[in-house]
Amino acid sequence: MLELRPTPFDHPDAVRLIAEIQQVYVERYGGEDATLVDPREFDAPGGLFLVGYAGGEPVACGGWRARHAGGALRDGDAEIKRMYVAPAHRGRGYARAVLAELERTAAAAGLRRIVLETGTEQPEAIALYTSAGYVPMPPFGSYTGSPMSRYFSKPASPMAVSRRTPGSSRP
């Protein structure tokens, strides 16, 4: 079972998992994600970062940060960042559990839409997001002009606020 814990973005467990995903970006794209990220953006009430633990070991992470209107973004948007599951723990539904909890908490915080950017070299991420109901949206953020970027959005569902994700637990 995956235990999801709100964790500061700069906590050692989060930092380790973020370093692992940055290495994935290097392998797949030739460089780290250059998106500017201020760790404070993931502090409540304007954000949240989760680390998922299996057997006490940090194995998954993801977060959201509130965004303001500009370009394709609207006031009330929550942007998903740094979704990751360690390779040895994939295929167990952990990414879906992290995503569902991020959606639930963003909706509970009053945000109205979930947005994200991923890349063409992450087909497993694209499959996860589309299977979870995300649809393409116009580009935003650091990689707006990149042909390797894909952008998705989904309404933040008030129904998600009362829903618990199977296979996960919250503190």
N, C-alpha and C. Protein backbone atom coordinates (compact mmCIF):
# COMPACT_ATOMS: atom_id res chain seq x y z
N MET A 1 0.85 -1.18 0.00
CA MET A 1 0.00 0.00 0.00
C MET A 1 0.89 1.24 0.00
N LEU A 2 0.46 2.24 -0.70
CA LEU A 2 1.18 3.50 -0.78
C LEU A 2 0.61 4.47 0.25
N GLU A 3 1.46 5.01 1.08
CA GLU A 3 1.05 6.04 2.03
C GLU A 3 1.49 7.39 1.49
N LEU A 4 0.52 8.27 1.26
CA LEU A 4 0.82 9.60 0.73
C LEU A 4 0.91 10.59 1.87
N ARG A 5 2.03 11.34 1.90
CA ARG A 5 2.24 12.32 2.96
C ARG A 5 2.54 13.69 2.36
N PRO A 6 1.84 14.73 2.81
CA PRO A 6 2.26 16.08 2.42
C PRO A 6 3.69 16.29 2.94
N THR A 7 4.55 16.76 2.06
CA THR A 7 5.98 16.87 2.36
C THR A 7 6.51 18.15 1.75
N PRO A 8 7.33 18.91 2.47
CA PRO A 8 7.92 20.10 1.85
C PRO A 8 8.71 19.72 0.59
N PHE A 9 8.63 20.56 -0.41
CA PHE A 9 9.31 20.35 -1.68
C PHE A 9 10.81 20.18 -1.49
N ASP A 10 11.36 20.83 -0.46
CA ASP A 10 12.80 20.75 -0.23
C ASP A 10 13.18 19.75 0.87
N HIS A 11 12.25 18.88 1.27
CA HIS A 11 12.54 17.81 2.22
C HIS A 11 13.48 16.80 1.54
N PRO A 12 14.42 16.18 2.26
CA PRO A 12 15.36 15.25 1.64
C PRO A 12 14.71 14.13 0.81
N ASP A 13 13.58 13.59 1.25
CA ASP A 13 12.92 12.54 0.46
C ASP A 13 12.40 13.09 -0.86
N ALA A 14 11.82 14.29 -0.82
CA ALA A 14 11.34 14.92 -2.05
C ALA A 14 12.50 15.27 -2.96
N VAL A 15 13.56 15.82 -2.39
CA VAL A 15 14.73 16.21 -3.18
C VAL A 15 15.31 15.00 -3.90
N ARG A 16 15.39 13.86 -3.21
CA ARG A 16 15.92 12.65 -3.84
C ARG A 16 15.07 12.20 -5.02
N LEU A 17 13.76 12.17 -4.84
CA LEU A 17 12.87 11.75 -5.92
C LEU A 17 12.90 12.75 -7.07
N ILE A 18 12.96 14.04 -6.78
CA ILE A 18 13.04 15.06 -7.83
C ILE A 18 14.35 14.91 -8.60
N ALA A 19 15.43 14.60 -7.91
CA ALA A 19 16.71 14.36 -8.60
C ALA A 19 16.60 13.16 -9.53
N GLU A 20 15.87 12.13 -9.11
CA GLU A 20 15.68 10.96 -9.96
C GLU A 20 14.90 11.32 -11.22
N ILE A 21 13.84 12.12 -11.08
CA ILE A 21 13.08 12.48 -12.28
C ILE A 21 13.89 13.40 -13.17
N GLN A 22 14.70 14.26 -12.59
CA GLN A 22 15.57 15.10 -13.42
C GLN A 22 16.52 14.23 -14.24
N GLN A 23 17.00 13.14 -13.67
CA GLN A 23 17.87 12.23 -14.41
C GLN A 23 17.11 11.57 -15.56
N VAL A 24 15.84 11.26 -15.33
CA VAL A 24 15.01 10.72 -16.42
C VAL A 24 14.93 11.74 -17.55
N TYR A 25 14.74 13.01 -17.21
CA TYR A 25 14.69 14.05 -18.24
C TYR A 25 16.00 14.12 -19.02
N VAL A 26 17.12 13.99 -18.32
CA VAL A 26 18.43 14.01 -18.99
C VAL A 26 18.51 12.84 -19.97
N GLU A 27 18.09 11.66 -19.54
CA GLU A 27 18.15 10.48 -20.40
C GLU A 27 17.22 10.59 -21.61
N ARG A 28 16.04 11.14 -21.40
CA ARG A 28 15.04 11.17 -22.49
C ARG A 28 15.12 12.41 -23.36
N TYR A 29 15.53 13.54 -22.77
CA TYR A 29 15.51 14.81 -23.50
C TYR A 29 16.88 15.46 -23.65
N GLY A 30 17.87 14.95 -22.96
CA GLY A 30 19.21 15.52 -23.06
C GLY A 30 19.51 16.62 -22.07
N GLY A 31 18.58 16.90 -21.15
CA GLY A 31 18.81 17.93 -20.14
C GLY A 31 17.71 17.92 -19.10
N GLU A 32 17.98 18.56 -17.96
CA GLU A 32 17.00 18.65 -16.89
C GLU A 32 15.86 19.58 -17.27
N ASP A 33 14.75 19.46 -16.56
CA ASP A 33 13.62 20.38 -16.71
C ASP A 33 14.06 21.75 -16.21
N ALA A 34 14.01 22.73 -17.10
CA ALA A 34 14.48 24.08 -16.76
C ALA A 34 13.38 24.98 -16.20
N THR A 35 12.18 24.43 -15.98
CA THR A 35 11.09 25.22 -15.44
C THR A 35 11.49 25.78 -14.07
N LEU A 36 11.32 27.09 -13.90
CA LEU A 36 11.61 27.70 -12.61
C LEU A 36 10.58 27.24 -11.59
N VAL A 37 11.06 26.71 -10.49
CA VAL A 37 10.19 26.22 -9.44
C VAL A 37 10.70 26.77 -8.11
N ASP A 38 9.84 27.52 -7.43
CA ASP A 38 10.15 28.01 -6.09
C ASP A 38 9.51 27.02 -5.12
N PRO A 39 10.29 26.38 -4.26
CA PRO A 39 9.72 25.40 -3.33
C PRO A 39 8.53 25.93 -2.54
N ARG A 40 8.51 27.23 -2.25
CA ARG A 40 7.40 27.81 -1.48
C ARG A 40 6.08 27.77 -2.23
N GLU A 41 6.13 27.63 -3.56
CA GLU A 41 4.89 27.54 -4.34
C GLU A 41 4.09 26.29 -3.99
N PHE A 42 4.75 25.32 -3.38
CA PHE A 42 4.08 24.07 -3.03
C PHE A 42 3.67 24.02 -1.56
N ASP A 43 3.77 25.16 -0.88
CA ASP A 43 3.31 25.26 0.50
C ASP A 43 1.83 25.64 0.51
N ALA A 44 1.10 25.12 1.51
CA ALA A 44 -0.31 25.49 1.67
C ALA A 44 -0.39 26.99 1.99
N PRO A 45 -1.44 27.65 1.59
CA PRO A 45 -2.62 27.10 0.93
C PRO A 45 -2.54 27.09 -0.60
N GLY A 46 -1.46 27.63 -1.16
CA GLY A 46 -1.37 27.75 -2.61
C GLY A 46 -0.72 26.60 -3.32
N GLY A 47 -0.48 25.52 -2.61
CA GLY A 47 0.15 24.37 -3.25
C GLY A 47 0.25 23.20 -2.30
N LEU A 48 0.74 22.10 -2.83
CA LEU A 48 0.92 20.88 -2.04
C LEU A 48 1.94 20.01 -2.76
N PHE A 49 2.83 19.39 -2.00
CA PHE A 49 3.73 18.39 -2.56
C PHE A 49 3.55 17.12 -1.74
N LEU A 50 3.39 16.01 -2.45
CA LEU A 50 3.20 14.71 -1.81
C LEU A 50 4.38 13.81 -2.08
N VAL A 51 4.76 13.04 -1.08
CA VAL A 51 5.69 11.93 -1.27
C VAL A 51 4.93 10.67 -0.88
N GLY A 52 5.03 9.66 -1.74
CA GLY A 52 4.41 8.37 -1.48
C GLY A 52 5.44 7.40 -0.93
N TYR A 53 5.07 6.74 0.17
CA TYR A 53 5.96 5.79 0.83
C TYR A 53 5.38 4.38 0.73
N ALA A 54 6.24 3.44 0.38
CA ALA A 54 5.90 2.02 0.36
C ALA A 54 6.90 1.32 1.27
N GLY A 55 6.40 0.69 2.32
CA GLY A 55 7.30 0.05 3.27
C GLY A 55 8.25 1.03 3.92
N GLY A 56 7.82 2.27 4.09
CA GLY A 56 8.65 3.30 4.71
C GLY A 56 9.64 3.96 3.78
N GLU A 57 9.71 3.49 2.53
CA GLU A 57 10.67 4.02 1.56
C GLU A 57 9.97 5.03 0.64
N PRO A 58 10.57 6.21 0.40
CA PRO A 58 9.97 7.16 -0.54
C PRO A 58 10.10 6.64 -1.97
N VAL A 59 8.95 6.44 -2.64
CA VAL A 59 8.97 5.82 -3.97
C VAL A 59 8.20 6.61 -5.03
N ALA A 60 7.46 7.63 -4.64
CA ALA A 60 6.64 8.38 -5.60
C ALA A 60 6.47 9.81 -5.11
N CYS A 61 6.20 10.71 -6.05
CA CYS A 61 5.97 12.09 -5.65
C CYS A 61 5.17 12.82 -6.72
N GLY A 62 4.70 13.98 -6.35
CA GLY A 62 4.01 14.88 -7.25
C GLY A 62 3.46 16.04 -6.45
N GLY A 63 3.23 17.14 -7.14
CA GLY A 63 2.70 18.30 -6.44
C GLY A 63 1.85 19.16 -7.35
N TRP A 64 1.17 20.12 -6.74
CA TRP A 64 0.45 21.13 -7.50
C TRP A 64 0.76 22.49 -6.90
N ARG A 65 0.70 23.49 -7.78
CA ARG A 65 0.86 24.88 -7.36
C ARG A 65 -0.22 25.70 -8.04
N ALA A 66 -0.80 26.63 -7.31
CA ALA A 66 -1.83 27.50 -7.88
C ALA A 66 -1.18 28.42 -8.91
N ARG A 67 -1.90 28.66 -9.98
CA ARG A 67 -1.41 29.54 -11.05
C ARG A 67 -2.39 30.68 -11.24
N HIS A 68 -1.89 31.77 -11.80
CA HIS A 68 -2.72 32.94 -12.07
C HIS A 68 -2.89 33.10 -13.57
N ALA A 69 -3.92 33.82 -13.94
CA ALA A 69 -4.25 34.00 -15.35
C ALA A 69 -3.08 34.60 -16.11
N GLY A 70 -2.92 34.11 -17.32
CA GLY A 70 -1.89 34.60 -18.22
C GLY A 70 -1.72 33.61 -19.35
N GLY A 71 -1.89 34.05 -20.57
CA GLY A 71 -1.81 33.13 -21.70
C GLY A 71 -2.92 32.10 -21.61
N ALA A 72 -2.56 30.83 -21.66
CA ALA A 72 -3.55 29.76 -21.60
C ALA A 72 -4.01 29.46 -20.17
N LEU A 73 -3.37 30.08 -19.20
CA LEU A 73 -3.71 29.81 -17.80
C LEU A 73 -4.80 30.76 -17.32
N ARG A 74 -5.58 30.28 -16.35
CA ARG A 74 -6.67 31.06 -15.77
C ARG A 74 -6.48 31.14 -14.26
N ASP A 75 -7.05 32.18 -13.66
CA ASP A 75 -7.12 32.18 -12.20
C ASP A 75 -7.91 30.93 -11.80
N GLY A 76 -7.47 30.27 -10.75
CA GLY A 76 -8.15 29.05 -10.31
C GLY A 76 -7.53 27.79 -10.88
N ASP A 77 -6.42 27.91 -11.61
CA ASP A 77 -5.73 26.73 -12.14
C ASP A 77 -4.75 26.19 -11.10
N ALA A 78 -4.62 24.89 -11.07
CA ALA A 78 -3.57 24.20 -10.29
C ALA A 78 -2.70 23.47 -11.30
N GLU A 79 -1.40 23.74 -11.26
CA GLU A 79 -0.48 23.08 -12.18
C GLU A 79 0.20 21.89 -11.48
N ILE A 80 0.09 20.73 -12.09
CA ILE A 80 0.75 19.52 -11.59
C ILE A 80 2.22 19.57 -11.99
N LYS A 81 3.09 19.27 -11.04
CA LYS A 81 4.54 19.25 -11.30
C LYS A 81 5.17 18.03 -10.63
N ARG A 82 6.26 17.57 -11.21
CA ARG A 82 7.17 16.57 -10.65
C ARG A 82 6.49 15.25 -10.27
N MET A 83 5.59 14.79 -11.14
CA MET A 83 4.99 13.46 -10.96
C MET A 83 6.07 12.42 -11.27
N TYR A 84 6.24 11.47 -10.35
CA TYR A 84 7.29 10.46 -10.54
C TYR A 84 7.02 9.25 -9.66
N VAL A 85 7.33 8.08 -10.22
CA VAL A 85 7.35 6.83 -9.45
C VAL A 85 8.67 6.14 -9.76
N ALA A 86 9.38 5.72 -8.72
CA ALA A 86 10.66 5.03 -8.90
C ALA A 86 10.44 3.77 -9.75
N PRO A 87 11.37 3.47 -10.65
CA PRO A 87 11.20 2.35 -11.58
C PRO A 87 10.82 1.02 -10.93
N ALA A 88 11.40 0.68 -9.81
CA ALA A 88 11.11 -0.61 -9.16
C ALA A 88 9.69 -0.69 -8.62
N HIS A 89 8.98 0.44 -8.58
CA HIS A 89 7.63 0.48 -8.00
C HIS A 89 6.55 0.82 -9.01
N ARG A 90 6.90 0.84 -10.27
CA ARG A 90 5.92 1.15 -11.31
C ARG A 90 5.00 -0.05 -11.56
N GLY A 91 3.85 0.24 -12.14
CA GLY A 91 2.89 -0.81 -12.47
C GLY A 91 2.02 -1.22 -11.30
N ARG A 92 2.02 -0.47 -10.24
CA ARG A 92 1.24 -0.79 -9.04
C ARG A 92 0.11 0.21 -8.79
N GLY A 93 -0.07 1.16 -9.70
CA GLY A 93 -1.11 2.17 -9.54
C GLY A 93 -0.69 3.36 -8.69
N TYR A 94 0.60 3.48 -8.37
CA TYR A 94 1.05 4.56 -7.51
C TYR A 94 0.91 5.93 -8.18
N ALA A 95 1.23 6.02 -9.47
CA ALA A 95 1.10 7.31 -10.16
C ALA A 95 -0.35 7.75 -10.17
N ARG A 96 -1.25 6.82 -10.42
CA ARG A 96 -2.68 7.15 -10.43
C ARG A 96 -3.13 7.59 -9.04
N ALA A 97 -2.62 6.95 -7.99
CA ALA A 97 -2.98 7.33 -6.62
C ALA A 97 -2.48 8.73 -6.29
N VAL A 98 -1.24 9.04 -6.68
CA VAL A 98 -0.70 10.39 -6.44
C VAL A 98 -1.53 11.41 -7.20
N LEU A 99 -1.80 11.15 -8.47
CA LEU A 99 -2.57 12.07 -9.29
C LEU A 99 -3.96 12.31 -8.70
N ALA A 100 -4.64 11.25 -8.29
CA ALA A 100 -5.98 11.40 -7.72
C ALA A 100 -5.96 12.24 -6.45
N GLU A 101 -4.95 12.05 -5.61
CA GLU A 101 -4.87 12.84 -4.38
C GLU A 101 -4.53 14.30 -4.68
N LEU A 102 -3.69 14.54 -5.67
CA LEU A 102 -3.41 15.92 -6.08
C LEU A 102 -4.68 16.58 -6.60
N GLU A 103 -5.44 15.86 -7.41
CA GLU A 103 -6.71 16.41 -7.92
C GLU A 103 -7.67 16.70 -6.77
N ARG A 104 -7.78 15.77 -5.84
CA ARG A 104 -8.71 15.92 -4.72
C ARG A 104 -8.34 17.14 -3.87
N THR A 105 -7.06 17.29 -3.56
CA THR A 105 -6.65 18.39 -2.69
C THR A 105 -6.72 19.74 -3.41
N ALA A 106 -6.46 19.76 -4.70
CA ALA A 106 -6.59 21.01 -5.45
C ALA A 106 -8.05 21.45 -5.48
N ALA A 107 -8.96 20.51 -5.71
CA ALA A 107 -10.39 20.84 -5.71
C ALA A 107 -10.82 21.30 -4.32
N ALA A 108 -10.33 20.63 -3.27
CA ALA A 108 -10.67 21.02 -1.90
C ALA A 108 -10.15 22.41 -1.57
N ALA A 109 -9.06 22.83 -2.22
CA ALA A 109 -8.50 24.17 -2.01
C ALA A 109 -9.25 25.23 -2.81
N GLY A 110 -10.26 24.81 -3.57
CA GLY A 110 -11.07 25.76 -4.32
C GLY A 110 -10.60 26.02 -5.74
N LEU A 111 -9.61 25.29 -6.19
CA LEU A 111 -9.14 25.47 -7.57
C LEU A 111 -10.10 24.79 -8.53
N ARG A 112 -10.19 25.34 -9.73
CA ARG A 112 -11.24 24.91 -10.65
C ARG A 112 -10.76 24.07 -11.82
N ARG A 113 -9.46 24.11 -12.11
CA ARG A 113 -8.95 23.35 -13.25
C ARG A 113 -7.54 22.88 -12.93
N ILE A 114 -7.24 21.67 -13.37
CA ILE A 114 -5.90 21.11 -13.21
C ILE A 114 -5.23 21.18 -14.58
N VAL A 115 -4.00 21.70 -14.63
CA VAL A 115 -3.25 21.80 -15.88
C VAL A 115 -1.88 21.16 -15.68
N LEU A 116 -1.28 20.75 -16.79
CA LEU A 116 0.06 20.16 -16.71
C LEU A 116 0.71 20.17 -18.07
N GLU A 117 2.03 20.05 -18.03
CA GLU A 117 2.83 19.90 -19.24
C GLU A 117 3.65 18.64 -19.08
N THR A 118 3.71 17.84 -20.13
CA THR A 118 4.58 16.67 -20.16
C THR A 118 5.21 16.61 -21.54
N GLY A 119 6.04 15.61 -21.76
CA GLY A 119 6.76 15.57 -23.02
C GLY A 119 6.46 14.34 -23.85
N THR A 120 6.77 14.45 -25.12
CA THR A 120 6.53 13.36 -26.06
C THR A 120 7.34 12.11 -25.73
N GLU A 121 8.44 12.27 -25.00
CA GLU A 121 9.29 11.13 -24.64
C GLU A 121 8.84 10.47 -23.33
N GLN A 122 7.65 10.83 -22.88
CA GLN A 122 7.06 10.23 -21.69
C GLN A 122 5.68 9.66 -22.04
N PRO A 123 5.64 8.66 -22.91
CA PRO A 123 4.34 8.13 -23.33
C PRO A 123 3.53 7.55 -22.18
N GLU A 124 4.21 7.03 -21.15
CA GLU A 124 3.48 6.49 -20.01
C GLU A 124 2.76 7.61 -19.25
N ALA A 125 3.34 8.80 -19.20
CA ALA A 125 2.68 9.93 -18.55
C ALA A 125 1.48 10.38 -19.37
N ILE A 126 1.66 10.48 -20.67
CA ILE A 126 0.55 10.87 -21.55
C ILE A 126 -0.59 9.87 -21.41
N ALA A 127 -0.28 8.58 -21.37
CA ALA A 127 -1.32 7.55 -21.21
C ALA A 127 -2.04 7.70 -19.87
N LEU A 128 -1.30 7.97 -18.81
CA LEU A 128 -1.91 8.17 -17.49
C LEU A 128 -2.88 9.34 -17.53
N TYR A 129 -2.41 10.48 -18.03
CA TYR A 129 -3.24 11.68 -18.00
C TYR A 129 -4.48 11.54 -18.87
N THR A 130 -4.33 11.00 -20.07
CA THR A 130 -5.50 10.87 -20.94
C THR A 130 -6.49 9.85 -20.36
N SER A 131 -5.98 8.78 -19.75
CA SER A 131 -6.90 7.80 -19.15
C SER A 131 -7.59 8.36 -17.91
N ALA A 132 -7.02 9.40 -17.31
CA ALA A 132 -7.63 10.04 -16.15
C ALA A 132 -8.55 11.19 -16.54
N GLY A 133 -8.78 11.37 -17.84
CA GLY A 133 -9.74 12.38 -18.29
C GLY A 133 -9.16 13.71 -18.71
N TYR A 134 -7.85 13.82 -18.79
CA TYR A 134 -7.23 15.06 -19.24
C TYR A 134 -7.34 15.18 -20.75
N VAL A 135 -7.52 16.42 -21.20
CA VAL A 135 -7.64 16.70 -22.64
C VAL A 135 -6.59 17.74 -23.03
N PRO A 136 -6.18 17.74 -24.30
CA PRO A 136 -5.19 18.73 -24.74
C PRO A 136 -5.67 20.16 -24.51
N MET A 137 -4.71 21.03 -24.24
CA MET A 137 -4.99 22.45 -24.06
C MET A 137 -3.88 23.25 -24.73
N PRO A 138 -4.07 24.56 -24.89
CA PRO A 138 -3.00 25.39 -25.47
C PRO A 138 -1.76 25.41 -24.58
N PRO A 139 -0.60 25.66 -25.18
CA PRO A 139 0.66 25.69 -24.43
C PRO A 139 0.71 26.82 -23.40
N PHE A 140 1.52 26.59 -22.35
CA PHE A 140 1.80 27.60 -21.33
C PHE A 140 3.17 27.29 -20.74
N GLY A 141 3.77 28.27 -20.10
CA GLY A 141 4.99 28.04 -19.34
C GLY A 141 6.28 27.99 -20.13
N SER A 142 7.28 27.37 -19.54
CA SER A 142 8.66 27.39 -20.04
C SER A 142 8.86 26.77 -21.41
N TYR A 143 8.05 25.78 -21.76
CA TYR A 143 8.29 25.03 -23.00
C TYR A 143 7.25 25.30 -24.07
N THR A 144 6.67 26.49 -24.04
CA THR A 144 5.59 26.84 -24.96
C THR A 144 5.94 26.58 -26.42
N GLY A 145 7.15 26.87 -26.83
CA GLY A 145 7.54 26.69 -28.22
C GLY A 145 8.12 25.33 -28.56
N SER A 146 8.17 24.43 -27.60
CA SER A 146 8.82 23.14 -27.84
C SER A 146 7.88 22.15 -28.53
N PRO A 147 8.33 21.56 -29.64
CA PRO A 147 7.51 20.54 -30.29
C PRO A 147 7.46 19.25 -29.48
N MET A 148 8.28 19.14 -28.44
CA MET A 148 8.30 17.93 -27.62
C MET A 148 7.38 18.03 -26.40
N SER A 149 6.69 19.15 -26.25
CA SER A 149 5.81 19.33 -25.10
C SER A 149 4.35 19.08 -25.47
N ARG A 150 3.64 18.53 -24.51
CA ARG A 150 2.21 18.32 -24.62
C ARG A 150 1.56 18.90 -23.37
N TYR A 151 0.43 19.55 -23.56
CA TYR A 151 -0.26 20.26 -22.48
C TYR A 151 -1.65 19.68 -22.31
N PHE A 152 -2.05 19.49 -21.06
CA PHE A 152 -3.34 18.88 -20.77
C PHE A 152 -4.04 19.63 -19.64
N SER A 153 -5.37 19.52 -19.63
CA SER A 153 -6.15 20.10 -18.54
C SER A 153 -7.36 19.22 -18.25
N LYS A 154 -7.92 19.48 -17.08
CA LYS A 154 -9.10 18.74 -16.63
C LYS A 154 -9.80 19.61 -15.59
N PRO A 155 -11.12 19.70 -15.62
CA PRO A 155 -11.79 20.43 -14.56
C PRO A 155 -11.50 19.79 -13.20
N ALA A 156 -11.29 20.61 -12.19
CA ALA A 156 -11.14 20.10 -10.82
C ALA A 156 -12.54 19.75 -10.35
N SER A 157 -12.75 18.51 -10.05
CA SER A 157 -14.08 18.02 -9.73
C SER A 157 -14.39 18.11 -8.25
N PRO A 158 -15.49 18.79 -7.89
CA PRO A 158 -15.90 18.79 -6.49
C PRO A 158 -16.17 17.37 -5.99
N MET A 159 -16.55 16.46 -6.90
CA MET A 159 -16.79 15.07 -6.52
C MET A 159 -15.51 14.42 -6.01
N ALA A 160 -14.36 14.87 -6.51
CA ALA A 160 -13.09 14.28 -6.09
C ALA A 160 -12.77 14.60 -4.64
N VAL A 161 -13.39 15.66 -4.10
CA VAL A 161 -13.08 16.08 -2.74
C VAL A 161 -13.47 15.00 -1.74
N SER A 162 -14.56 14.30 -1.98
CA SER A 162 -15.02 13.31 -1.02
C SER A 162 -14.57 11.89 -1.37
N ARG A 163 -13.87 11.74 -2.46
CA ARG A 163 -13.47 10.42 -2.94
C ARG A 163 -12.12 10.02 -2.36
N ARG A 164 -12.00 8.80 -1.93
CA ARG A 164 -10.72 8.23 -1.49
C ARG A 164 -10.22 7.31 -2.58
N THR A 165 -8.94 7.37 -2.85
CA THR A 165 -8.35 6.56 -3.89
C THR A 165 -7.97 5.19 -3.35
N PRO A 166 -8.45 4.09 -3.99
CA PRO A 166 -8.03 2.76 -3.55
C PRO A 166 -6.51 2.64 -3.65
N GLY A 167 -5.93 1.90 -2.72
CA GLY A 167 -4.49 1.67 -2.75
C GLY A 167 -3.67 2.79 -2.15
N SER A 168 -4.33 3.79 -1.60
CA SER A 168 -3.57 4.88 -0.98
C SER A 168 -4.17 5.20 0.38
N SER A 169 -3.40 5.84 1.18
CA SER A 169 -3.90 6.32 2.47
C SER A 169 -3.39 7.73 2.67
N ARG A 170 -4.15 8.47 3.41
CA ARG A 170 -3.75 9.84 3.72
C ARG A 170 -3.57 9.94 5.22
N PRO A 171 -2.67 10.83 5.64
CA PRO A 171 -2.48 11.00 7.09
C PRO A 171 -3.70 11.63 7.73
